[in-house]
Amino acid sequence: MSAAEPEREVGVGPWPGGPPEWPEDPRYDRDLLAHGDRRNVADRYRYWTMAAIVADLDTRRSPLHVAIENWGRDFNIGSVVRTANAFNVAAVHIIGRRRWNRRGAMVTDRYLHVFHHPDVEHFLAWARDADRVVLGIDILPGSVPLEHRALPRQAVLVFGEEGAGLSREIVEASAELLHITQHGSTRSINAGAAAGIAMWAWMLQHGEDS
């Protein structure tokens, strides 16, 4: 952007006309109506309260779940969460450390259901009770290409940390191990990017049914 170009304004300003013209719909936030809505939300949600947005998203979430192993505070978690919000997944599960760097999520975690599992055993117990098919995403011996693979609708995609990858417990518990075919020189793809590709692949097969 050159010095002569004005900075692009994000969102919308106060509701035109002031309080007499404000909508009576309870989903609208009066503070946002008064001062404007500069949040990174879709236009359909402008001026809505966060609770109203979450309630609306809940009516049309996909059945897909996403899980991330978090043994070393992986900075990619925020990116995975942000992508999960974009695809409106049912929930994100953090396995291991409860704390994670939320900066990369750009506040999108507030519009998602995020659950913590202290260890793999706890997570797998949830998956069994929820009748979810665990799919490990990692480029490991025995894994098969994600491309053109039929993915179960009731799936939970599990991603490991950058570098370390999936734990042995998750690998052994996965119904299938899948990897993203690469054509360059590096062995692995960034965990946040891999999660986006995998969620997109699932959506191509099931998104219209969600």
Protein backbone atom coordinates (compact mmCIF):
# COMPACT_ATOMS: atom_id res chain seq x y z
CA MET A 1 0.00 0.00 0.00
CA SER A 2 1.46 3.37 -0.99
CA ALA A 3 1.46 6.40 1.30
CA ALA A 4 -1.24 8.01 -0.83
CA GLU A 5 -3.65 5.09 -0.47
CA PRO A 6 -6.03 5.22 2.51
CA GLU A 7 -5.94 2.31 4.95
CA ARG A 8 -8.75 -0.16 4.29
CA GLU A 9 -11.31 -0.01 7.07
CA VAL A 10 -12.40 -3.34 8.51
CA GLY A 11 -16.02 -4.03 9.40
CA VAL A 12 -18.79 -1.47 9.72
CA GLY A 13 -19.37 1.71 11.69
CA PRO A 14 -22.27 2.55 14.04
CA TRP A 15 -25.77 1.65 12.89
CA PRO A 16 -27.06 4.54 10.76
CA GLY A 17 -29.67 6.74 12.37
CA GLY A 18 -28.85 6.04 16.00
CA PRO A 19 -31.06 4.27 18.60
CA PRO A 20 -34.38 5.17 16.97
CA GLU A 21 -33.37 3.11 13.94
CA TRP A 22 -31.79 0.18 15.80
CA PRO A 23 -33.26 -3.28 15.10
CA GLU A 24 -35.25 -4.87 17.93
CA ASP A 25 -33.88 -8.35 17.22
CA PRO A 26 -32.31 -9.60 20.51
CA ARG A 27 -29.38 -11.09 18.58
CA TYR A 28 -27.99 -7.61 18.05
CA ASP A 29 -25.46 -6.17 20.49
CA ARG A 30 -26.37 -2.62 21.50
CA ASP A 31 -22.76 -1.66 22.13
CA LEU A 32 -21.78 -2.77 18.63
CA LEU A 33 -24.76 -0.92 17.17
CA ALA A 34 -23.58 2.23 18.92
CA HIS A 35 -19.86 2.02 18.15
CA GLY A 36 -19.56 -0.19 15.09
CA ASP A 37 -18.48 -3.77 14.52
CA ARG A 38 -14.81 -4.18 13.57
CA ARG A 39 -14.61 -7.91 14.30
CA ASN A 40 -13.45 -10.47 11.75
CA VAL A 41 -16.90 -12.00 11.22
CA ALA A 42 -18.98 -12.75 8.15
CA ASP A 43 -21.29 -9.95 7.05
CA ARG A 44 -24.38 -11.92 8.08
CA TYR A 45 -23.18 -11.67 11.70
CA ARG A 46 -22.46 -7.95 11.80
CA TYR A 47 -23.63 -6.39 15.09
CA TRP A 48 -24.64 -9.80 16.51
CA THR A 49 -23.62 -10.82 20.02
CA MET A 50 -21.04 -13.59 20.25
CA ALA A 51 -23.59 -15.86 21.95
CA ALA A 52 -26.04 -15.34 19.08
CA ILE A 53 -23.36 -16.16 16.50
CA VAL A 54 -22.39 -19.37 18.31
CA ALA A 55 -26.05 -20.38 18.63
CA ASP A 56 -26.56 -19.90 14.90
CA LEU A 57 -23.40 -21.83 14.02
CA ASP A 58 -24.60 -24.67 16.26
CA THR A 59 -27.66 -25.13 14.06
CA ARG A 60 -25.53 -26.05 11.05
CA ARG A 61 -22.19 -27.42 12.24
CA SER A 62 -20.67 -30.29 10.29
CA PRO A 63 -20.25 -33.66 12.05
CA LEU A 64 -16.48 -33.47 11.56
CA HIS A 65 -14.30 -33.30 14.67
CA VAL A 66 -10.64 -32.25 14.74
CA ALA A 67 -8.07 -33.21 17.37
CA ILE A 68 -4.55 -31.89 17.97
CA GLU A 69 -1.87 -33.45 20.14
CA ASN A 70 -0.32 -30.68 22.23
CA TRP A 71 2.64 -32.02 24.17
CA GLY A 72 4.99 -29.09 23.58
CA ARG A 73 2.74 -26.05 23.07
CA ASP A 74 2.75 -26.25 19.31
CA PHE A 75 2.28 -22.80 17.76
CA ASN A 76 0.34 -24.31 14.84
CA ILE A 77 -2.69 -25.01 17.03
CA GLY A 78 -4.06 -21.51 16.56
CA SER A 79 -3.92 -21.94 12.79
CA VAL A 80 -5.71 -25.29 12.99
CA VAL A 81 -8.43 -23.80 15.19
CA ARG A 82 -8.93 -20.87 12.83
CA THR A 83 -9.36 -23.24 9.88
CA ALA A 84 -11.73 -25.42 11.91
CA ASN A 85 -13.88 -22.35 12.47
CA ALA A 86 -13.88 -21.60 8.74
CA PHE A 87 -15.27 -25.07 8.06
CA ASN A 88 -17.61 -24.87 11.08
CA VAL A 89 -16.57 -28.24 12.49
CA ALA A 90 -18.45 -29.78 15.38
CA ALA A 91 -15.58 -29.36 17.83
CA VAL A 92 -11.83 -29.14 18.30
CA HIS A 93 -10.11 -31.41 20.81
CA ILE A 94 -6.78 -30.54 22.43
CA ILE A 95 -4.90 -33.61 23.68
CA GLY A 96 -2.15 -33.07 26.25
CA ARG A 97 -1.35 -29.60 27.55
CA ARG A 98 -4.41 -27.51 28.26
CA ARG A 99 -2.67 -24.24 27.47
CA TRP A 100 -1.90 -23.30 23.88
CA ASN A 101 -1.03 -20.13 22.01
CA ARG A 102 -4.36 -18.59 20.98
CA ARG A 103 -2.90 -15.69 19.04
CA GLY A 104 -2.95 -17.57 15.73
CA ALA A 105 -6.62 -18.44 16.23
CA MET A 106 -7.57 -14.75 15.83
CA VAL A 107 -10.36 -15.11 18.44
CA THR A 108 -12.08 -17.84 16.35
CA ASP A 109 -11.83 -20.30 19.25
CA ARG A 110 -14.64 -18.33 20.92
CA TYR A 111 -17.02 -19.41 18.17
CA LEU A 112 -16.07 -23.09 18.43
CA HIS A 113 -16.52 -25.85 20.96
CA VAL A 114 -13.02 -26.63 22.21
CA PHE A 115 -12.49 -29.60 24.54
CA HIS A 116 -9.41 -30.68 26.48
CA HIS A 117 -8.26 -34.25 27.01
CA PRO A 118 -5.36 -34.72 29.46
CA ASP A 119 -4.04 -37.78 27.64
CA VAL A 120 -4.65 -40.02 24.63
CA GLU A 121 -6.58 -42.58 26.70
CA HIS A 122 -9.12 -39.94 27.72
CA PHE A 123 -9.49 -38.78 24.12
CA LEU A 124 -9.95 -42.31 22.76
CA ALA A 125 -12.60 -43.02 25.40
CA TRP A 126 -14.50 -39.97 24.15
CA ALA A 127 -14.14 -41.13 20.52
CA ARG A 128 -15.52 -44.57 21.37
CA ASP A 129 -18.46 -43.13 23.30
CA ALA A 130 -19.19 -40.68 20.47
CA ASP A 131 -18.87 -43.42 17.83
CA ARG A 132 -16.21 -41.46 15.94
CA VAL A 133 -13.73 -42.97 13.50
CA VAL A 134 -10.20 -41.86 14.42
CA LEU A 135 -8.10 -40.93 11.39
CA GLY A 136 -4.46 -40.08 11.96
CA ILE A 137 -2.96 -37.55 9.55
CA ASP A 138 0.81 -38.03 9.28
CA ILE A 139 3.36 -39.12 6.69
CA LEU A 140 4.40 -42.40 8.33
CA PRO A 141 5.22 -45.91 7.08
CA GLY A 142 1.94 -47.63 6.24
CA SER A 143 0.00 -44.42 5.71
CA VAL A 144 -2.00 -44.04 2.50
CA PRO A 145 -2.61 -40.92 0.36
CA LEU A 146 -5.46 -38.71 1.50
CA GLU A 147 -6.30 -37.78 -2.08
CA HIS A 148 -9.28 -39.67 -3.53
CA ARG A 149 -9.70 -41.63 -0.30
CA ALA A 150 -13.27 -42.18 0.88
CA LEU A 151 -13.48 -40.56 4.31
CA PRO A 152 -16.07 -41.58 6.91
CA ARG A 153 -18.67 -38.96 7.70
CA GLN A 154 -18.41 -39.53 11.46
CA ALA A 155 -14.68 -38.87 11.52
CA VAL A 156 -12.26 -37.18 13.87
CA LEU A 157 -9.06 -36.06 12.15
CA VAL A 158 -6.05 -36.14 14.47
CA PHE A 159 -2.93 -34.06 13.88
CA GLY A 160 0.39 -34.25 15.67
CA GLU A 161 2.91 -31.61 16.61
CA GLU A 162 5.21 -30.04 14.10
CA GLY A 163 8.26 -32.27 13.82
CA ALA A 164 7.27 -34.94 16.34
CA GLY A 165 4.10 -35.93 14.52
CA LEU A 166 1.51 -38.27 15.97
CA SER A 167 2.18 -40.22 19.14
CA ARG A 168 2.50 -44.00 19.01
CA GLU A 169 -0.78 -44.33 20.95
CA ILE A 170 -2.73 -42.36 18.35
CA VAL A 171 -1.07 -44.23 15.48
CA GLU A 172 -2.06 -47.58 16.97
CA ALA A 173 -5.62 -46.42 17.68
CA SER A 174 -6.27 -44.91 14.24
CA ALA A 175 -8.63 -46.75 11.91
CA GLU A 176 -6.46 -45.40 9.11
CA LEU A 177 -3.29 -43.37 8.73
CA LEU A 178 -3.44 -40.84 5.92
CA HIS A 179 -0.86 -38.54 4.41
CA ILE A 180 -0.87 -35.68 1.91
CA THR A 181 1.15 -36.47 -1.20
CA GLN A 182 4.01 -34.03 -1.66
CA HIS A 183 6.13 -33.25 -4.69
CA GLY A 184 8.92 -31.12 -3.26
CA SER A 185 12.13 -31.74 -1.35
CA THR A 186 10.98 -31.56 2.29
CA ARG A 187 9.67 -34.61 4.10
CA SER A 188 6.72 -32.99 5.84
CA ILE A 189 4.24 -30.19 5.38
CA ASN A 190 3.45 -27.53 8.01
CA ALA A 191 0.96 -28.95 10.51
CA GLY A 192 -1.41 -26.00 10.16
CA ALA A 193 -1.40 -26.27 6.37
CA ALA A 194 -1.86 -30.05 6.52
CA ALA A 195 -4.89 -29.64 8.76
CA GLY A 196 -6.47 -27.20 6.31
CA ILE A 197 -5.94 -29.59 3.40
CA ALA A 198 -7.36 -32.55 5.31
CA MET A 199 -10.46 -30.65 6.45
CA TRP A 200 -10.99 -29.42 2.88
CA ALA A 201 -10.74 -33.02 1.59
CA TRP A 202 -13.41 -34.11 4.07
CA MET A 203 -15.63 -31.17 3.12
CA LEU A 204 -15.39 -32.04 -0.57
CA GLN A 205 -17.01 -35.38 0.26
CA HIS A 206 -19.47 -34.39 2.99
CA GLY A 207 -19.78 -30.61 3.06
CA GLU A 208 -23.04 -30.44 1.13
CA ASP A 209 -24.63 -32.91 3.55
CA SER A 210 -23.70 -30.87 6.63
